PDB file of N, CA and C in Angstrom:
ATOM      1  N   MET A   1       0.928  -1.296   0.158  1.00  0.00           N
ATOM      2  CA  MET A   1       0.205   0.156  -0.125  1.00  0.00           C
ATOM      3  C   MET A   1       0.831   1.535   0.116  1.00  0.00           C
ATOM      4  N   SER A   2       0.476   1.909  -1.048  1.00  0.00           N
ATOM      5  CA  SER A   2       1.393   3.392  -1.071  1.00  0.00           C
ATOM      6  C   SER A   2       0.997   4.395  -0.111  1.00  0.00           C
ATOM      7  N   LYS A   3       1.795   5.142   0.658  1.00  0.00           N
ATOM      8  CA  LYS A   3       1.752   6.185   1.441  1.00  0.00           C
ATOM      9  C   LYS A   3       0.506   7.327   1.170  1.00  0.00           C
ATOM     10  N   LEU A   4       0.122   7.490  -0.383  1.00  0.00           N
ATOM     11  CA  LEU A   4      -0.477   8.329  -0.923  1.00  0.00           C
ATOM     12  C   LEU A   4      -1.916   7.778  -1.022  1.00  0.00           C
ATOM     13  N   ASN A   5      -2.288   6.598  -0.455  1.00  0.00           N
ATOM     14  CA  ASN A   5      -3.577   6.208  -0.894  1.00  0.00           C
ATOM     15  C   ASN A   5      -4.662   6.788  -0.158  1.00  0.00           C
ATOM     16  N   ASN A   6      -5.753   7.588  -0.971  1.00  0.00           N
ATOM     17  CA  ASN A   6      -6.513   8.363  -0.251  1.00  0.00           C
ATOM     18  C   ASN A   6      -6.419   9.731   0.271  1.00  0.00           C
ATOM     19  N   LYS A   7      -5.020   9.998   0.074  1.00  0.00           N
ATOM     20  CA  LYS A   7      -4.514  10.973   0.322  1.00  0.00           C
ATOM     21  C   LYS A   7      -4.866  12.540  -0.813  1.00  0.00           C
ATOM     22  N   VAL A   8      -5.252  13.739  -0.553  1.00  0.00           N
ATOM     23  CA  VAL A   8      -5.658  14.503  -1.475  1.00  0.00           C
ATOM     24  C   VAL A   8      -4.264  15.567  -2.000  1.00  0.00           C
ATOM     25  N   ILE A   9      -3.993  15.687  -3.053  1.00  0.00           N
ATOM     26  CA  ILE A   9      -2.765  16.477  -3.605  1.00  0.00           C
ATOM     27  C   ILE A   9      -3.451  17.236  -4.581  1.00  0.00           C
ATOM     28  N   ILE A  10      -3.237  18.840  -4.115  1.00  0.00           N
ATOM     29  CA  ILE A  10      -3.195  19.822  -5.280  1.00  0.00           C
ATOM     30  C   ILE A  10      -2.177  19.912  -5.763  1.00  0.00           C
ATOM     31  N   VAL A  11      -1.733  19.942  -7.555  1.00  0.00           N
ATOM     32  CA  VAL A  11      -0.985  19.937  -8.251  1.00  0.00           C
ATOM     33  C   VAL A  11      -0.944  21.408  -9.029  1.00  0.00           C
ATOM     34  N   THR A  12      -0.320  22.653  -8.624  1.00  0.00           N
ATOM     35  CA  THR A  12      -0.537  23.701  -9.777  1.00  0.00           C
ATOM     36  C   THR A  12       0.407  23.620 -10.577  1.00  0.00           C
ATOM     37  N   GLY A  13      -0.125  24.299 -11.871  1.00  0.00           N
ATOM     38  CA  GLY A  13       0.267  24.499 -13.122  1.00  0.00           C
ATOM     39  C   GLY A  13       0.450  22.636 -13.470  1.00  0.00           C
ATOM     40  N   ALA A  14      -0.501  22.364 -13.318  1.00  0.00           N
ATOM     41  CA  ALA A  14      -0.460  20.631 -13.782  1.00  0.00           C
ATOM     42  C   ALA A  14      -1.311  20.726 -15.161  1.00  0.00           C
ATOM     43  N   SER A  15      -1.520  21.142 -15.999  1.00  0.00           N
ATOM     44  CA  SER A  15      -1.764  21.007 -17.105  1.00  0.00           C
ATOM     45  C   SER A  15      -1.108  20.892 -18.253  1.00  0.00           C
ATOM     46  N   LYS A  16       0.065  21.032 -17.947  1.00  0.00           N
ATOM     47  CA  LYS A  16       1.125  20.630 -19.165  1.00  0.00           C
ATOM     48  C   LYS A  16       2.914  20.529 -18.209  1.00  0.00           C
ATOM     49  N   GLY A  17       3.387  20.080 -18.770  1.00  0.00           N
ATOM     50  CA  GLY A  17       4.779  19.973 -18.871  1.00  0.00           C
ATOM     51  C   GLY A  17       5.022  19.155 -17.241  1.00  0.00           C
ATOM     52  N   ILE A  18       6.029  19.569 -16.641  1.00  0.00           N
ATOM     53  CA  ILE A  18       6.256  19.311 -15.213  1.00  0.00           C
ATOM     54  C   ILE A  18       5.230  18.799 -14.421  1.00  0.00           C
ATOM     55  N   GLY A  19       4.318  19.940 -13.938  1.00  0.00           N
ATOM     56  CA  GLY A  19       3.464  19.709 -13.236  1.00  0.00           C
ATOM     57  C   GLY A  19       2.260  18.865 -13.763  1.00  0.00           C
ATOM     58  N   ALA A  20       1.989  18.327 -15.168  1.00  0.00           N
ATOM     59  CA  ALA A  20       1.541  17.378 -15.559  1.00  0.00           C
ATOM     60  C   ALA A  20       1.924  15.772 -15.016  1.00  0.00           C
ATOM     61  N   GLU A  21       3.223  15.970 -15.463  1.00  0.00           N
ATOM     62  CA  GLU A  21       3.920  14.691 -14.832  1.00  0.00           C
ATOM     63  C   GLU A  21       3.594  14.447 -13.516  1.00  0.00           C
ATOM     64  N   ILE A  22       4.274  15.177 -12.636  1.00  0.00           N
ATOM     65  CA  ILE A  22       3.945  14.987 -11.582  1.00  0.00           C
ATOM     66  C   ILE A  22       2.349  14.409 -10.934  1.00  0.00           C
ATOM     67  N   ALA A  23       1.580  15.262 -11.431  1.00  0.00           N
ATOM     68  CA  ALA A  23      -0.211  14.807 -11.273  1.00  0.00           C
ATOM     69  C   ALA A  23      -0.299  13.511 -11.441  1.00  0.00           C
ATOM     70  N   LYS A  24       0.347  12.937 -12.862  1.00  0.00           N
ATOM     71  CA  LYS A  24      -0.080  11.907 -13.236  1.00  0.00           C
ATOM     72  C   LYS A  24       0.849  10.645 -12.254  1.00  0.00           C
ATOM     73  N   GLN A  25       1.917  10.883 -11.821  1.00  0.00           N
ATOM     74  CA  GLN A  25       2.582   9.787 -11.115  1.00  0.00           C
ATOM     75  C   GLN A  25       2.045   9.885  -9.491  1.00  0.00           C
ATOM     76  N   MET A  26       1.632  10.565  -9.030  1.00  0.00           N
ATOM     77  CA  MET A  26       0.912  11.016  -7.803  1.00  0.00           C
ATOM     78  C   MET A  26      -0.246  10.294  -8.169  1.00  0.00           C
ATOM     79  N   GLY A  27      -1.184  10.487  -8.976  1.00  0.00           N
ATOM     80  CA  GLY A  27      -2.328   9.656  -9.164  1.00  0.00           C
ATOM     81  C   GLY A  27      -2.005   8.130  -9.199  1.00  0.00           C
ATOM     82  N   ALA A  28      -1.196   7.756 -10.094  1.00  0.00           N
ATOM     83  CA  ALA A  28      -0.840   6.436 -10.086  1.00  0.00           C
ATOM     84  C   ALA A  28      -0.038   5.737  -9.064  1.00  0.00           C
ATOM     85  N   GLU A  29       0.249   6.534  -8.006  1.00  0.00           N
ATOM     86  CA  GLU A  29       0.525   6.086  -6.499  1.00  0.00           C
ATOM     87  C   GLU A  29      -0.578   6.212  -5.388  1.00  0.00           C
ATOM     88  N   GLY A  30      -1.488   6.471  -6.083  1.00  0.00           N
ATOM     89  CA  GLY A  30      -3.139   6.308  -5.332  1.00  0.00           C
ATOM     90  C   GLY A  30      -3.345   7.525  -4.373  1.00  0.00           C
ATOM     91  N   ALA A  31      -2.871   8.608  -4.714  1.00  0.00           N
ATOM     92  CA  ALA A  31      -3.452   9.851  -4.700  1.00  0.00           C
ATOM     93  C   ALA A  31      -4.278  10.545  -5.278  1.00  0.00           C
ATOM     94  N   LYS A  32      -5.694  11.002  -4.574  1.00  0.00           N
ATOM     95  CA  LYS A  32      -6.484  11.739  -5.133  1.00  0.00           C
ATOM     96  C   LYS A  32      -5.722  13.044  -5.800  1.00  0.00           C
ATOM     97  N   VAL A  33      -5.743  13.486  -7.038  1.00  0.00           N
ATOM     98  CA  VAL A  33      -5.476  14.756  -7.498  1.00  0.00           C
ATOM     99  C   VAL A  33      -6.060  15.818  -7.764  1.00  0.00           C
ATOM    100  N   VAL A  34      -5.863  16.848  -7.543  1.00  0.00           N
ATOM    101  CA  VAL A  34      -6.836  17.923  -7.978  1.00  0.00           C
ATOM    102  C   VAL A  34      -5.409  18.801  -8.967  1.00  0.00           C
ATOM    103  N   VAL A  35      -6.148  18.641 -10.484  1.00  0.00           N
ATOM    104  CA  VAL A  35      -5.398  19.308 -11.401  1.00  0.00           C
ATOM    105  C   VAL A  35      -5.369  20.770 -11.507  1.00  0.00           C
ATOM    106  N   ASN A  36      -4.531  21.707 -10.773  1.00  0.00           N
ATOM    107  CA  ASN A  36      -4.853  23.059 -10.764  1.00  0.00           C
ATOM    108  C   ASN A  36      -4.272  23.873 -12.126  1.00  0.00           C
ATOM    109  N   TYR A  37      -4.919  24.367 -12.959  1.00  0.00           N
ATOM    110  CA  TYR A  37      -4.467  25.212 -13.755  1.00  0.00           C
ATOM    111  C   TYR A  37      -4.639  26.441 -14.018  1.00  0.00           C
ATOM    112  N   ALA A  38      -4.073  27.627 -14.786  1.00  0.00           N
ATOM    113  CA  ALA A  38      -4.595  28.888 -15.044  1.00  0.00           C
ATOM    114  C   ALA A  38      -5.282  29.485 -16.373  1.00  0.00           C
ATOM    115  N   SER A  39      -4.440  28.323 -17.322  1.00  0.00           N
ATOM    116  CA  SER A  39      -4.832  29.103 -18.754  1.00  0.00           C
ATOM    117  C   SER A  39      -5.599  27.497 -19.597  1.00  0.00           C
ATOM    118  N   SER A  40      -5.108  26.858 -19.268  1.00  0.00           N
ATOM    119  CA  SER A  40      -5.457  25.855 -20.438  1.00  0.00           C
ATOM    120  C   SER A  40      -6.405  24.197 -19.701  1.00  0.00           C
ATOM    121  N   LYS A  41      -7.869  24.701 -19.532  1.00  0.00           N
ATOM    122  CA  LYS A  41      -8.232  23.587 -19.303  1.00  0.00           C
ATOM    123  C   LYS A  41      -8.418  22.650 -19.732  1.00  0.00           C
ATOM    124  N   GLU A  42      -8.012  22.770 -21.448  1.00  0.00           N
ATOM    125  CA  GLU A  42      -7.912  21.547 -21.771  1.00  0.00           C
ATOM    126  C   GLU A  42      -6.995  20.754 -21.574  1.00  0.00           C
ATOM    127  N   GLY A  43      -5.923  21.632 -21.370  1.00  0.00           N
ATOM    128  CA  GLY A  43      -4.830  20.229 -20.961  1.00  0.00           C
ATOM    129  C   GLY A  43      -5.261  20.160 -19.620  1.00  0.00           C
ATOM    130  N   ALA A  44      -5.659  20.300 -18.457  1.00  0.00           N
ATOM    131  CA  ALA A  44      -5.789  19.873 -17.225  1.00  0.00           C
ATOM    132  C   ALA A  44      -6.795  18.678 -17.806  1.00  0.00           C
ATOM    133  N   ASP A  45      -7.928  18.747 -18.190  1.00  0.00           N
ATOM    134  CA  ASP A  45      -8.862  17.640 -18.745  1.00  0.00           C
ATOM    135  C   ASP A  45      -8.107  16.280 -19.380  1.00  0.00           C
ATOM    136  N   VAL A  46      -7.188  16.862 -19.982  1.00  0.00           N
ATOM    137  CA  VAL A  46      -6.253  15.486 -20.693  1.00  0.00           C
ATOM    138  C   VAL A  46      -5.671  14.755 -19.546  1.00  0.00           C
ATOM    139  N   VAL A  47      -5.175  15.817 -18.545  1.00  0.00           N
ATOM    140  CA  VAL A  47      -4.267  14.626 -17.330  1.00  0.00           C
ATOM    141  C   VAL A  47      -5.529  14.155 -16.805  1.00  0.00           C
ATOM    142  N   VAL A  48      -6.837  14.723 -16.117  1.00  0.00           N
ATOM    143  CA  VAL A  48      -7.543  13.939 -15.292  1.00  0.00           C
ATOM    144  C   VAL A  48      -7.749  12.761 -16.182  1.00  0.00           C
ATOM    145  N   ALA A  49      -7.928  13.069 -17.198  1.00  0.00           N
ATOM    146  CA  ALA A  49      -8.462  11.632 -18.260  1.00  0.00           C
ATOM    147  C   ALA A  49      -7.734  10.678 -18.181  1.00  0.00           C
ATOM    148  N   GLU A  50      -5.981  10.990 -18.154  1.00  0.00           N
ATOM    149  CA  GLU A  50      -5.308  10.072 -17.848  1.00  0.00           C
ATOM    150  C   GLU A  50      -4.964   9.475 -16.708  1.00  0.00           C
ATOM    151  N   ILE A  51      -5.297  10.015 -15.944  1.00  0.00           N
ATOM    152  CA  ILE A  51      -5.077   9.856 -14.351  1.00  0.00           C
ATOM    153  C   ILE A  51      -6.341   8.582 -14.222  1.00  0.00           C
ATOM    154  N   VAL A  52      -7.819   9.368 -14.172  1.00  0.00           N
ATOM    155  CA  VAL A  52      -8.778   7.973 -14.314  1.00  0.00           C
ATOM    156  C   VAL A  52      -8.454   7.184 -15.107  1.00  0.00           C
ATOM    157  N   LYS A  53      -8.027   6.833 -16.446  1.00  0.00           N
ATOM    158  CA  LYS A  53      -8.184   6.053 -17.317  1.00  0.00           C
ATOM    159  C   LYS A  53      -6.783   4.915 -16.410  1.00  0.00           C
ATOM    160  N   ASN A  54      -6.240   5.422 -16.154  1.00  0.00           N
ATOM    161  CA  ASN A  54      -5.299   4.378 -15.268  1.00  0.00           C
ATOM    162  C   ASN A  54      -5.578   4.028 -13.764  1.00  0.00           C
ATOM    163  N   GLY A  55      -7.096   4.050 -13.153  1.00  0.00           N
ATOM    164  CA  GLY A  55      -7.530   3.817 -11.891  1.00  0.00           C
ATOM    165  C   GLY A  55      -7.357   4.798 -10.710  1.00  0.00           C
ATOM    166  N   GLY A  56      -7.127   6.072 -11.361  1.00  0.00           N
ATOM    167  CA  GLY A  56      -6.817   7.013 -10.241  1.00  0.00           C
ATOM    168  C   GLY A  56      -8.112   7.801 -10.269  1.00  0.00           C
ATOM    169  N   ASP A  57      -8.078   8.408  -9.120  1.00  0.00           N
ATOM    170  CA  ASP A  57      -9.190   9.836  -8.676  1.00  0.00           C
ATOM    171  C   ASP A  57      -8.453  10.978  -8.911  1.00  0.00           C
ATOM    172  N   SER A  58      -9.269  11.705  -9.665  1.00  0.00           N
ATOM    173  CA  SER A  58      -9.059  13.340 -10.314  1.00  0.00           C
ATOM    174  C   SER A  58      -9.950  13.877 -10.500  1.00  0.00           C
ATOM    175  N   CYS A  59      -9.704  15.642 -10.405  1.00  0.00           N
ATOM    176  CA  CYS A  59     -10.620  16.670 -11.030  1.00  0.00           C
ATOM    177  C   CYS A  59      -9.832  17.698 -11.168  1.00  0.00           C
ATOM    178  N   SER A  60     -10.268  18.786 -12.006  1.00  0.00           N
ATOM    179  CA  SER A  60      -9.304  20.021 -12.468  1.00  0.00           C
ATOM    180  C   SER A  60     -10.202  21.036 -11.665  1.00  0.00           C
ATOM    181  N   ASN A  61      -9.353  22.463 -11.475  1.00  0.00           N
ATOM    182  CA  ASN A  61     -10.122  23.424 -10.742  1.00  0.00           C
ATOM    183  C   ASN A  61      -9.114  24.462 -11.329  1.00  0.00           C
ATOM    184  N   PRO A  62      -9.660  25.618 -11.788  1.00  0.00           N
ATOM    185  CA  PRO A  62      -9.250  26.823 -12.506  1.00  0.00           C
ATOM    186  C   PRO A  62      -8.548  27.636 -11.243  1.00  0.00           C
ATOM    187  N   TRP A  63      -7.361  28.165 -11.428  1.00  0.00           N
ATOM    188  CA  TRP A  63      -7.105  28.928 -10.492  1.00  0.00           C
ATOM    189  C   TRP A  63      -7.456  30.322 -10.326  1.00  0.00           C
TER     190      TRP A  63
END
């Protein structure tokens, strides 16, 4: 069992780049991930979809 199971993590700038990769990794490790974004809702939605597709729990939230 991962230390991150059922923990809620907010990743800022998670719609692209390093933030997106961190969000995906945290989701893969069992965290519930809030994908926070400032300008790219579409990018955030893609990250959320990937986390959910891989069995994780995620949602997006604008800055």
